[in-house]
């Protein structure tokens, strides 16, 4: 019996695939003795917020300390529609945090291209290095409805997350869901919902099961080691999900990070090893853009 990441047998089309996208750089790092490298991670969304980029230095794989934040970087963001372009300089509210944000709230725009530039003297050799990344924001996934149903599968009770939506065109698309349960957000990459639309291209799907959660009453049926990595639900729980149409490259990045030990979020430490990256010049991490469609529902009794 699969745990949280299991998907209903009726939606085999949504299983992860493991093809590494040709538009990313596949970086293999010696986790024991590798040199420190920049770790740059950030997303641009269509939400009206101060968009953020985090700039860190990697740490040894088995270090107990978190990655060192980089304070002295020049971080710029450019957006381009092909006809109109805007540039932003990002700064730290708290010097030393390593979190760089736009001065004012801004909304990313579906269809626009985004270019990130981070300039810093990472090696402390007196010369600046530039690390860049580019991405395009896919158009939003329009979710017509979202609901949670309760079902019995063998000895387990599952809560199924179901969406009704129009899949976009004849190309393969990739989707992500970030969620909160009773106001608590689960921000580790290992907890993201991620699926693709293999064999569903261009179709309208109704009440498609995209993820399952186990009932808290079944917790004792799992070992302590398994249960500590699982998210359980109860009747009446409130859930908010932010669904997004994401790039193929970012989909694989999520899958690879989730497969690593602890599935840590690069915003708080950086991927440990063998993770795809679209950051140039030997850095690690990922820069992406996506539009968010927020939905909510309650788990039934």
Protein backbone atom coordinates (compact mmCIF):
# COMPACT_ATOMS: atom_id res chain seq x y z
CA UNK A 1 0.00 0.00 0.00
CA UNK A 2 1.56 3.27 -1.04
CA UNK A 3 1.46 6.13 1.46
CA UNK A 4 0.85 9.80 0.77
CA UNK A 5 2.53 9.90 -2.60
CA UNK A 6 0.37 7.07 -3.93
CA UNK A 7 -2.15 8.01 -6.58
CA UNK A 8 -5.43 6.28 -7.27
CA UNK A 9 -5.04 3.26 -9.54
CA UNK A 10 -7.60 4.76 -11.85
CA UNK A 11 -5.28 7.60 -12.74
CA UNK A 12 -2.14 5.73 -13.83
CA UNK A 13 -1.63 8.54 -16.32
CA UNK A 14 -0.56 10.79 -13.48
CA UNK A 15 2.46 8.78 -12.29
CA UNK A 16 5.83 10.53 -12.17
CA UNK A 17 8.21 10.07 -15.11
CA UNK A 18 11.97 10.27 -14.76
CA UNK A 19 13.24 11.89 -17.94
CA UNK A 20 15.61 14.77 -17.21
CA UNK A 21 14.77 17.85 -19.23
CA UNK A 22 17.38 18.95 -21.75
CA UNK A 23 16.95 22.60 -20.73
CA UNK A 24 18.48 22.04 -17.30
CA UNK A 25 22.05 21.39 -16.23
CA UNK A 26 22.45 18.05 -14.41
CA UNK A 27 24.95 18.78 -11.62
CA UNK A 28 26.65 15.88 -9.82
CA UNK A 29 28.39 16.90 -6.60
CA UNK A 30 30.71 14.95 -4.28
CA UNK A 31 28.66 15.17 -1.07
CA UNK A 32 31.65 14.47 1.19
CA UNK A 33 34.38 16.74 -0.12
CA UNK A 34 32.80 19.08 -2.66
CA UNK A 35 33.72 22.75 -2.78
CA UNK A 36 31.13 25.23 -1.61
CA UNK A 37 28.89 26.54 -4.37
CA UNK A 38 26.14 29.16 -4.55
CA UNK A 39 22.60 27.90 -3.97
CA UNK A 40 20.01 30.21 -5.54
CA UNK A 41 16.32 29.53 -5.31
CA UNK A 42 13.23 31.56 -6.08
CA UNK A 43 9.85 31.70 -7.74
CA UNK A 44 7.88 34.42 -9.47
CA UNK A 45 4.11 34.06 -9.19
CA UNK A 46 1.06 35.96 -10.38
CA UNK A 47 0.24 36.85 -6.77
CA UNK A 48 0.54 40.52 -5.84
CA UNK A 49 3.40 40.09 -3.38
CA UNK A 50 7.01 41.12 -2.93
CA UNK A 51 8.65 38.41 -5.01
CA UNK A 52 11.65 36.78 -3.29
CA UNK A 53 14.94 35.16 -4.24
CA UNK A 54 17.15 33.39 -1.69
CA UNK A 55 20.93 33.34 -2.10
CA UNK A 56 22.96 30.90 0.01
CA UNK A 57 26.25 29.08 0.07
CA UNK A 58 26.07 25.29 0.13
CA UNK A 59 27.25 23.35 3.15
CA UNK A 60 28.79 19.91 3.37
CA UNK A 61 26.12 17.25 2.95
CA UNK A 62 26.38 15.93 6.49
CA UNK A 63 26.85 19.32 8.20
CA UNK A 64 24.30 19.97 10.91
CA UNK A 65 24.40 23.71 10.24
CA UNK A 66 22.07 25.28 7.73
CA UNK A 67 23.46 26.87 4.59
CA UNK A 68 25.22 30.21 5.03
CA UNK A 69 23.17 33.16 3.82
CA UNK A 70 24.87 35.51 1.38
CA UNK A 71 24.39 39.19 2.17
CA UNK A 72 26.52 40.95 -0.44
CA UNK A 73 24.90 40.16 -3.76
CA UNK A 74 23.37 42.31 -6.45
CA UNK A 75 20.10 40.65 -7.43
CA UNK A 76 18.10 41.87 -10.42
CA UNK A 77 15.01 40.57 -12.13
CA UNK A 78 13.85 41.37 -15.65
CA UNK A 79 10.47 40.54 -17.15
CA UNK A 80 9.81 40.68 -20.87
CA UNK A 81 6.64 40.18 -22.91
CA UNK A 82 8.42 40.52 -26.24
CA UNK A 83 7.15 44.08 -26.56
CA UNK A 84 7.40 45.44 -23.01
CA UNK A 85 10.11 44.87 -20.43
CA UNK A 86 10.54 45.86 -16.80
CA UNK A 87 13.54 45.58 -14.48
CA UNK A 88 13.63 45.28 -10.70
CA UNK A 89 16.45 45.46 -8.16
CA UNK A 90 15.87 43.17 -5.18
CA UNK A 91 17.21 44.02 -1.73
CA UNK A 92 17.29 42.48 1.75
CA UNK A 93 14.97 43.85 4.42
CA UNK A 94 17.29 42.37 7.02
CA UNK A 95 20.93 42.43 5.93
CA UNK A 96 22.39 38.96 6.31
CA UNK A 97 19.11 37.11 5.74
CA UNK A 98 20.06 36.13 2.19
CA UNK A 99 16.44 36.79 1.19
CA UNK A 100 16.20 39.41 -1.54
CA UNK A 101 12.78 40.90 -2.36
CA UNK A 102 11.31 43.40 -4.79
CA UNK A 103 10.83 46.84 -3.26
CA UNK A 104 7.08 46.79 -3.88
CA UNK A 105 4.56 44.03 -4.54
CA UNK A 106 4.44 42.92 -8.16
CA UNK A 107 2.43 40.36 -10.09
CA UNK A 108 4.12 38.01 -12.51
CA UNK A 109 2.35 37.66 -15.84
CA UNK A 110 1.54 34.38 -17.61
CA UNK A 111 3.27 34.18 -20.98
CA UNK A 112 6.06 36.56 -19.97
CA UNK A 113 9.73 35.61 -19.77
CA UNK A 114 11.75 36.17 -16.60
CA UNK A 115 15.52 36.52 -16.24
CA UNK A 116 17.32 36.44 -12.91
CA UNK A 117 20.83 37.81 -12.38
CA UNK A 118 22.86 37.41 -9.19
CA UNK A 119 26.24 39.15 -9.13
CA UNK A 120 28.65 38.57 -6.23
CA UNK A 121 32.24 37.78 -5.34
CA UNK A 122 31.44 34.30 -4.10
CA UNK A 123 35.04 33.07 -4.13
CA UNK A 124 36.37 36.21 -2.41
CA UNK A 125 39.02 36.62 -5.11
CA UNK A 126 38.28 40.29 -5.76
CA UNK A 127 36.28 39.63 -8.95
CA UNK A 128 32.51 39.37 -9.24
CA UNK A 129 30.84 36.34 -10.78
CA UNK A 130 27.38 36.39 -12.38
CA UNK A 131 24.83 33.61 -12.00
CA UNK A 132 21.78 33.73 -14.25
CA UNK A 133 18.60 31.80 -14.97
CA UNK A 134 15.65 32.25 -17.30
CA UNK A 135 12.12 30.90 -17.34
CA UNK A 136 8.68 31.51 -18.78
CA UNK A 137 5.47 31.71 -16.74
CA UNK A 138 2.91 29.20 -18.10
CA UNK A 139 -0.71 30.27 -18.13
CA UNK A 140 -2.77 29.41 -15.09
CA UNK A 141 -4.62 26.13 -14.64
CA UNK A 142 -8.29 27.06 -14.40
CA UNK A 143 -9.85 24.76 -11.80
CA UNK A 144 -13.62 24.71 -12.20
CA UNK A 145 -14.21 22.78 -8.99
CA UNK A 146 -12.31 21.08 -6.20
CA UNK A 147 -13.62 18.63 -3.62
CA UNK A 148 -12.49 15.99 -1.15
CA UNK A 149 -14.12 12.59 -1.02
CA UNK A 150 -13.70 9.81 1.53
CA UNK A 151 -13.27 6.22 0.44
CA UNK A 152 -12.29 2.83 1.81
CA UNK A 153 -9.47 0.97 0.07
CA UNK A 154 -8.86 -2.36 1.73
CA UNK A 155 -8.17 -1.72 5.42
CA UNK A 156 -7.37 1.97 4.84
CA UNK A 157 -9.55 5.09 4.76
CA UNK A 158 -8.39 7.64 2.21
CA UNK A 159 -9.29 11.24 1.46
CA UNK A 160 -9.11 11.82 -2.29
CA UNK A 161 -8.43 15.29 -3.73
CA UNK A 162 -10.49 15.72 -6.90
CA UNK A 163 -10.44 18.48 -9.49
CA UNK A 164 -12.49 19.37 -12.53
CA UNK A 165 -10.55 21.38 -15.11
CA UNK A 166 -9.82 21.83 -18.78
CA UNK A 167 -6.42 20.46 -19.70
CA UNK A 168 -4.45 22.80 -21.94
CA UNK A 169 -4.03 21.77 -25.56
CA UNK A 170 -2.17 18.92 -27.20
CA UNK A 171 1.16 19.35 -25.40
CA UNK A 172 2.24 17.58 -22.25
CA UNK A 173 1.61 19.72 -19.18
CA UNK A 174 2.86 19.50 -15.63
CA UNK A 175 1.03 20.61 -12.50
CA UNK A 176 1.84 21.29 -8.87
CA UNK A 177 -0.23 21.79 -5.74
CA UNK A 178 0.90 23.41 -2.50
CA UNK A 179 -1.53 22.96 0.36
CA UNK A 180 -2.47 23.81 3.91
CA UNK A 181 -4.58 21.77 6.33
CA UNK A 182 -6.38 23.73 9.04
CA UNK A 183 -4.17 26.73 8.27
CA UNK A 184 -0.85 24.87 8.47
CA UNK A 185 1.13 25.02 5.21
CA UNK A 186 3.27 22.04 4.22
CA UNK A 187 6.15 23.71 2.41
CA UNK A 188 8.66 20.89 2.05
CA UNK A 189 9.10 19.81 -1.55
CA UNK A 190 8.54 16.19 -0.48
CA UNK A 191 4.98 17.20 0.44
CA UNK A 192 4.09 18.95 -2.83
CA UNK A 193 1.41 17.45 -5.05
CA UNK A 194 2.88 17.00 -8.54
CA UNK A 195 1.40 15.28 -11.57
CA UNK A 196 1.34 15.40 -15.35
CA UNK A 197 -1.37 14.99 -17.94
CA UNK A 198 -0.11 11.97 -19.88
CA UNK A 199 -2.96 10.66 -22.10
CA UNK A 200 -5.25 13.50 -20.97
CA UNK A 201 -3.97 16.20 -23.32
CA UNK A 202 -6.66 18.68 -24.27
CA UNK A 203 -9.47 16.89 -22.44
CA UNK A 204 -11.88 18.22 -19.85
CA UNK A 205 -11.52 16.16 -16.69
CA UNK A 206 -14.25 15.95 -14.08
CA UNK A 207 -13.60 14.96 -10.46
CA UNK A 208 -10.18 13.57 -11.34
CA UNK A 209 -8.40 12.15 -8.29
CA UNK A 210 -4.93 13.68 -8.16
CA UNK A 211 -3.79 12.78 -4.63
CA UNK A 212 -4.73 10.72 -1.58
CA UNK A 213 -4.21 11.29 2.13
CA UNK A 214 -4.63 8.66 4.84
CA UNK A 215 -7.11 9.08 7.67
CA UNK A 216 -5.55 9.90 11.03
CA UNK A 217 -7.38 6.89 12.46
CA UNK A 218 -5.16 4.63 10.38
CA UNK A 219 -1.93 6.08 11.77
CA UNK A 220 -1.33 3.10 14.04
CA UNK A 221 -1.35 0.81 11.00
CA UNK A 222 1.97 2.28 9.84
CA UNK A 223 5.39 1.98 11.41
CA UNK A 224 6.62 4.99 13.39
CA UNK A 225 9.29 5.64 10.72
CA UNK A 226 6.69 5.67 7.95
CA UNK A 227 4.11 7.67 9.88
CA UNK A 228 6.50 10.52 10.74
CA UNK A 229 6.89 11.31 7.03
CA UNK A 230 3.17 11.15 6.27
CA UNK A 231 0.44 13.79 6.35
CA UNK A 232 -2.86 12.55 7.82
CA UNK A 233 -6.34 14.06 7.53
CA UNK A 234 -9.48 13.92 9.63
CA UNK A 235 -13.17 14.47 8.91
CA UNK A 236 -13.98 18.17 8.86
CA UNK A 237 -10.42 19.32 8.14
CA UNK A 238 -10.20 22.47 6.02
CA UNK A 239 -7.81 22.40 3.09
CA UNK A 240 -6.53 25.16 0.80
CA UNK A 241 -4.61 24.16 -2.33
CA UNK A 242 -2.67 26.42 -4.68
CA UNK A 243 -2.65 24.64 -8.05
CA UNK A 244 -0.17 25.79 -10.69
CA UNK A 245 0.79 24.88 -14.25
CA UNK A 246 4.59 24.45 -14.06
CA UNK A 247 7.45 23.81 -16.48
CA UNK A 248 8.69 20.32 -17.24
CA UNK A 249 12.11 21.27 -15.82
CA UNK A 250 10.64 22.40 -12.50
CA UNK A 251 8.48 19.27 -12.34
CA UNK A 252 11.62 17.14 -12.50
CA UNK A 253 13.35 19.35 -9.96
CA UNK A 254 10.47 18.72 -7.51
CA UNK A 255 10.60 14.98 -8.17
CA UNK A 256 14.38 14.82 -7.66
CA UNK A 257 14.28 16.90 -4.47
CA UNK A 258 11.44 14.79 -3.07
CA UNK A 259 13.52 11.67 -3.69
CA UNK A 260 16.44 13.00 -1.64
CA UNK A 261 16.74 12.45 2.11
CA UNK A 262 14.20 14.57 4.04
CA UNK A 263 12.91 16.24 0.84
CA UNK A 264 14.23 19.56 2.10
CA UNK A 265 13.03 22.79 0.55
CA UNK A 266 15.90 24.60 -1.21
CA UNK A 267 14.61 27.82 0.33
CA UNK A 268 15.95 26.43 3.63
CA UNK A 269 19.08 24.58 2.74
CA UNK A 270 19.45 23.67 -0.89
CA UNK A 271 19.26 20.31 -2.67
CA UNK A 272 22.03 18.00 -1.40
CA UNK A 273 23.31 16.33 -4.57
CA UNK A 274 22.56 15.15 -8.10
CA UNK A 275 19.73 17.64 -8.53
CA UNK A 276 18.96 19.35 -11.83
CA UNK A 277 19.43 23.11 -11.86
CA UNK A 278 18.78 25.92 -14.32
CA UNK A 279 21.20 28.32 -12.59
CA UNK A 280 24.33 29.06 -14.65
CA UNK A 281 28.02 29.15 -13.78
CA UNK A 282 28.17 26.11 -11.50
CA UNK A 283 25.55 27.22 -8.98
CA UNK A 284 22.74 25.00 -7.71
CA UNK A 285 19.09 25.61 -7.00
CA UNK A 286 16.26 26.62 -9.30
CA UNK A 287 14.48 29.70 -10.61
CA UNK A 288 10.94 29.33 -11.90
CA UNK A 289 7.67 31.17 -12.52
CA UNK A 290 4.10 29.98 -12.29
CA UNK A 291 0.56 31.28 -11.93
CA UNK A 292 -1.44 30.22 -8.87
CA UNK A 293 -5.12 29.17 -8.77
CA UNK A 294 -6.34 28.84 -5.18
CA UNK A 295 -9.15 26.47 -4.21
CA UNK A 296 -10.49 25.20 -0.90
CA UNK A 297 -12.66 22.39 0.48
CA UNK A 298 -13.50 20.50 3.66
CA UNK A 299 -12.94 16.80 4.27
CA UNK A 300 -16.31 15.01 4.57
CA UNK A 301 -17.49 13.11 7.64
